Amino acid sequence: MAVNPDSHIPIYEQIVEHVCGLIAAGVYRADEALPSVRGMALQLRVNPNTIQRAYQELERGGFIRTRKGLGVFVSTQGATSAQKKTENAILERFVEGIDLGRKTKLGPARIQTVFRRAMRSPRRPADPNDKRTET
């Protein structure tokens, strides 16, 4: 995991998003320990208070729980919560894309074609320097 100190997104939010993604992907499972605040701070080279804030946000969201004297663990509903958060983020982006398509007068069939193309694509949106042909 890496953080971008130059991002407009606060570092603690970057950490929250990354840990949620790891939980949703099953990298961290229910009842599995996360790195300690100090350990994560050393790994990411950030202030421990930043990690503490991220962990507080994750706990408030129901993704993790703290066990006094034992550490921080993924909660039993953590994976479900993380997947729901991911689904909501995807839905939000789909709605934004559909709205853009409608504003630019693309019909529903064309929007669906673009969506299907995106589902088949193993990469981000087209790079103008990429020489592969579009299908």
C-alpha atoms as a PDB file:
ATOM      1  CA  MET A   1       0.000   0.000   0.000  1.00  0.00           C
ATOM      2  CA  ALA A   2       1.233   3.457  -0.822  1.00  0.00           C
ATOM      3  CA  VAL A   3      -0.122   6.887  -0.028  1.00  0.00           C
ATOM      4  CA  ASN A   4       0.158   9.963  -2.194  1.00  0.00           C
ATOM      5  CA  PRO A   5       1.009  12.991  -0.047  1.00  0.00           C
ATOM      6  CA  ASP A   6       0.401  15.266  -3.050  1.00  0.00           C
ATOM      7  CA  SER A   7      -3.183  14.064  -3.528  1.00  0.00           C
ATOM      8  CA  HIS A   8      -6.134  16.312  -2.726  1.00  0.00           C
ATOM      9  CA  ILE A   9      -7.501  13.324  -0.777  1.00  0.00           C
ATOM     10  CA  PRO A  10      -6.304  13.344   2.841  1.00  0.00           C
ATOM     11  CA  ILE A  11      -3.849  10.560   3.672  1.00  0.00           C
ATOM     12  CA  TYR A  12      -6.119   9.005   6.300  1.00  0.00           C
ATOM     13  CA  GLU A  13      -8.917   8.756   3.694  1.00  0.00           C
ATOM     14  CA  GLN A  14      -6.520   7.116   1.238  1.00  0.00           C
ATOM     15  CA  ILE A  15      -5.706   4.551   3.921  1.00  0.00           C
ATOM     16  CA  VAL A  16      -9.403   3.970   4.687  1.00  0.00           C
ATOM     17  CA  GLU A  17     -10.173   3.397   0.998  1.00  0.00           C
ATOM     18  CA  HIS A  18      -7.234   1.056   0.531  1.00  0.00           C
ATOM     19  CA  VAL A  19      -7.993  -1.036   3.621  1.00  0.00           C
ATOM     20  CA  CYS A  20     -11.685  -1.227   2.613  1.00  0.00           C
ATOM     21  CA  GLY A  21     -10.597  -2.475  -0.795  1.00  0.00           C
ATOM     22  CA  LEU A  22      -8.370  -5.118   0.777  1.00  0.00           C
ATOM     23  CA  ILE A  23     -11.209  -6.266   3.009  1.00  0.00           C
ATOM     24  CA  ALA A  24     -13.686  -6.345   0.091  1.00  0.00           C
ATOM     25  CA  ALA A  25     -11.179  -8.355  -1.977  1.00  0.00           C
ATOM     26  CA  GLY A  26     -10.725 -10.884   0.814  1.00  0.00           C
ATOM     27  CA  VAL A  27      -7.092 -10.034   1.472  1.00  0.00           C
ATOM     28  CA  TYR A  28      -8.098  -9.324   5.076  1.00  0.00           C
ATOM     29  CA  ARG A  29     -10.807 -11.678   6.355  1.00  0.00           C
ATOM     30  CA  ALA A  30     -13.151 -11.574   9.329  1.00  0.00           C
ATOM     31  CA  ASP A  31     -11.288 -11.768  12.647  1.00  0.00           C
ATOM     32  CA  GLU A  32      -7.922 -11.300  10.937  1.00  0.00           C
ATOM     33  CA  ALA A  33      -5.563  -8.798  12.545  1.00  0.00           C
ATOM     34  CA  LEU A  34      -4.535  -5.629  10.761  1.00  0.00           C
ATOM     35  CA  PRO A  35      -1.076  -4.174  11.289  1.00  0.00           C
ATOM     36  CA  SER A  36      -0.698  -2.217  14.512  1.00  0.00           C
ATOM     37  CA  VAL A  37      -0.970   1.568  14.379  1.00  0.00           C
ATOM     38  CA  ARG A  38       2.799   1.862  14.811  1.00  0.00           C
ATOM     39  CA  GLY A  39       3.519  -0.908  12.331  1.00  0.00           C
ATOM     40  CA  MET A  40       1.291   0.633   9.658  1.00  0.00           C
ATOM     41  CA  ALA A  41       2.752   4.091  10.346  1.00  0.00           C
ATOM     42  CA  LEU A  42       6.289   2.766   9.866  1.00  0.00           C
ATOM     43  CA  GLN A  43       5.316   0.862   6.740  1.00  0.00           C
ATOM     44  CA  LEU A  44       3.640   3.903   5.137  1.00  0.00           C
ATOM     45  CA  ARG A  45       6.022   6.447   6.640  1.00  0.00           C
ATOM     46  CA  VAL A  46       3.233   8.548   8.083  1.00  0.00           C
ATOM     47  CA  ASN A  47       2.410   9.873  11.526  1.00  0.00           C
ATOM     48  CA  PRO A  48       0.801   7.271  13.821  1.00  0.00           C
ATOM     49  CA  ASN A  49      -2.015   9.751  14.481  1.00  0.00           C
ATOM     50  CA  THR A  50      -2.923   9.495  10.781  1.00  0.00           C
ATOM     51  CA  ILE A  51      -3.225   5.718  11.068  1.00  0.00           C
ATOM     52  CA  GLN A  52      -5.197   6.076  14.291  1.00  0.00           C
ATOM     53  CA  ARG A  53      -7.649   8.394  12.520  1.00  0.00           C
ATOM     54  CA  ALA A  54      -8.002   5.968   9.605  1.00  0.00           C
ATOM     55  CA  TYR A  55      -8.629   3.075  11.992  1.00  0.00           C
ATOM     56  CA  GLN A  56     -11.218   5.159  13.869  1.00  0.00           C
ATOM     57  CA  GLU A  57     -13.035   5.821  10.578  1.00  0.00           C
ATOM     58  CA  LEU A  58     -12.880   2.136   9.676  1.00  0.00           C
ATOM     59  CA  GLU A  59     -14.251   1.196  13.088  1.00  0.00           C
ATOM     60  CA  ARG A  60     -17.004   3.801  12.847  1.00  0.00           C
ATOM     61  CA  GLY A  61     -17.940   2.302   9.468  1.00  0.00           C
ATOM     62  CA  GLY A  62     -18.151  -1.192  10.950  1.00  0.00           C
ATOM     63  CA  PHE A  63     -15.207  -2.570   8.960  1.00  0.00           C
ATOM     64  CA  ILE A  64     -12.919  -3.264  11.911  1.00  0.00           C
ATOM     65  CA  ARG A  65     -13.024  -3.534  15.672  1.00  0.00           C
ATOM     66  CA  THR A  66     -10.419  -2.919  18.329  1.00  0.00           C
ATOM     67  CA  ARG A  67      -9.733  -5.507  21.024  1.00  0.00           C
ATOM     68  CA  LYS A  68      -8.080  -3.889  24.002  1.00  0.00           C
ATOM     69  CA  GLY A  69      -4.561  -5.189  24.394  1.00  0.00           C
ATOM     70  CA  LEU A  70      -4.832  -7.451  21.342  1.00  0.00           C
ATOM     71  CA  GLY A  71      -4.989  -5.111  18.365  1.00  0.00           C
ATOM     72  CA  VAL A  72      -7.246  -4.231  15.460  1.00  0.00           C
ATOM     73  CA  PHE A  73      -9.259  -6.916  13.663  1.00  0.00           C
ATOM     74  CA  VAL A  74     -11.603  -7.095  10.682  1.00  0.00           C
ATOM     75  CA  SER A  75     -15.137  -7.262  12.032  1.00  0.00           C
ATOM     76  CA  THR A  76     -17.426 -10.147  11.139  1.00  0.00           C
ATOM     77  CA  GLN A  77     -19.527  -7.824   8.978  1.00  0.00           C
ATOM     78  CA  GLY A  78     -16.417  -6.022   7.662  1.00  0.00           C
ATOM     79  CA  ALA A  79     -16.296  -7.837   4.317  1.00  0.00           C
ATOM     80  CA  THR A  80     -20.004  -7.302   3.703  1.00  0.00           C
ATOM     81  CA  SER A  81     -19.695  -3.623   4.630  1.00  0.00           C
ATOM     82  CA  ALA A  82     -16.639  -3.194   2.400  1.00  0.00           C
ATOM     83  CA  GLN A  83     -18.327  -4.884  -0.561  1.00  0.00           C
ATOM     84  CA  LYS A  84     -21.428  -2.725  -0.124  1.00  0.00           C
ATOM     85  CA  LYS A  85     -19.223   0.387  -0.011  1.00  0.00           C
ATOM     86  CA  THR A  86     -17.499  -0.762  -3.215  1.00  0.00           C
ATOM     87  CA  GLU A  87     -20.832  -1.466  -4.897  1.00  0.00           C
ATOM     88  CA  ASN A  88     -22.098   1.992  -3.956  1.00  0.00           C
ATOM     89  CA  ALA A  89     -18.953   3.613  -5.375  1.00  0.00           C
ATOM     90  CA  ILE A  90     -19.333   1.640  -8.617  1.00  0.00           C
ATOM     91  CA  LEU A  91     -23.013   2.548  -8.846  1.00  0.00           C
ATOM     92  CA  GLU A  92     -22.181   6.215  -8.365  1.00  0.00           C
ATOM     93  CA  ARG A  93     -19.669   6.110 -11.212  1.00  0.00           C
ATOM     94  CA  PHE A  94     -22.091   4.209 -13.462  1.00  0.00           C
ATOM     95  CA  VAL A  95     -24.750   6.859 -12.829  1.00  0.00           C
ATOM     96  CA  GLU A  96     -22.231   9.607 -13.630  1.00  0.00           C
ATOM     97  CA  GLY A  97     -21.338   7.835 -16.896  1.00  0.00           C
ATOM     98  CA  ILE A  98     -24.978   7.322 -17.845  1.00  0.00           C
ATOM     99  CA  ASP A  99     -25.735  10.970 -17.092  1.00  0.00           C
ATOM    100  CA  LEU A 100     -22.803  12.012 -19.289  1.00  0.00           C
ATOM    101  CA  GLY A 101     -24.054   9.763 -22.084  1.00  0.00           C
ATOM    102  CA  ARG A 102     -27.552  11.240 -21.843  1.00  0.00           C
ATOM    103  CA  LYS A 103     -26.231  14.809 -21.806  1.00  0.00           C
ATOM    104  CA  THR A 104     -24.272  14.115 -24.980  1.00  0.00           C
ATOM    105  CA  LYS A 105     -27.354  12.552 -26.607  1.00  0.00           C
ATOM    106  CA  LEU A 106     -26.129   8.947 -26.644  1.00  0.00           C
ATOM    107  CA  GLY A 107     -29.047   6.583 -26.741  1.00  0.00           C
ATOM    108  CA  PRO A 108     -29.536   3.747 -24.249  1.00  0.00           C
ATOM    109  CA  ALA A 109     -28.281   1.132 -26.741  1.00  0.00           C
ATOM    110  CA  ARG A 110     -25.049   3.074 -27.343  1.00  0.00           C
ATOM    111  CA  ILE A 111     -24.511   3.573 -23.594  1.00  0.00           C
ATOM    112  CA  GLN A 112     -24.974  -0.183 -23.077  1.00  0.00           C
ATOM    113  CA  THR A 113     -22.462  -0.873 -25.863  1.00  0.00           C
ATOM    114  CA  VAL A 114     -19.919   1.354 -24.143  1.00  0.00           C
ATOM    115  CA  PHE A 115     -20.623  -0.382 -20.839  1.00  0.00           C
ATOM    116  CA  ARG A 116     -20.109  -3.841 -22.359  1.00  0.00           C
ATOM    117  CA  ARG A 117     -16.856  -2.666 -23.921  1.00  0.00           C
ATOM    118  CA  ALA A 118     -15.713  -1.386 -20.533  1.00  0.00           C
ATOM    119  CA  MET A 119     -16.578  -4.730 -18.928  1.00  0.00           C
ATOM    120  CA  ARG A 120     -14.349  -6.537 -21.425  1.00  0.00           C
ATOM    121  CA  SER A 121     -11.475  -4.105 -21.036  1.00  0.00           C
ATOM    122  CA  PRO A 122      -8.646  -5.209 -18.728  1.00  0.00           C
ATOM    123  CA  ARG A 123      -7.409  -1.645 -18.497  1.00  0.00           C
ATOM    124  CA  ARG A 124      -8.474   1.910 -17.770  1.00  0.00           C
ATOM    125  CA  PRO A 125     -10.101   4.136 -20.423  1.00  0.00           C
ATOM    126  CA  ALA A 126      -8.326   4.366 -23.752  1.00  0.00           C
ATOM    127  CA  ASP A 127      -4.862   5.831 -23.740  1.00  0.00           C
ATOM    128  CA  PRO A 128      -4.415   8.016 -26.852  1.00  0.00           C
ATOM    129  CA  ASN A 129      -0.867   6.649 -27.156  1.00  0.00           C
ATOM    130  CA  ASP A 130      -2.056   3.025 -27.105  1.00  0.00           C
ATOM    131  CA  LYS A 131      -1.856   1.482 -30.582  1.00  0.00           C
ATOM    132  CA  ARG A 132      -4.317  -1.357 -29.884  1.00  0.00           C
ATOM    133  CA  THR A 133      -7.492  -1.165 -31.952  1.00  0.00           C
ATOM    134  CA  GLU A 134     -10.893  -0.725 -30.349  1.00  0.00           C
ATOM    135  CA  THR A 135     -13.574  -3.356 -30.996  1.00  0.00           C
END
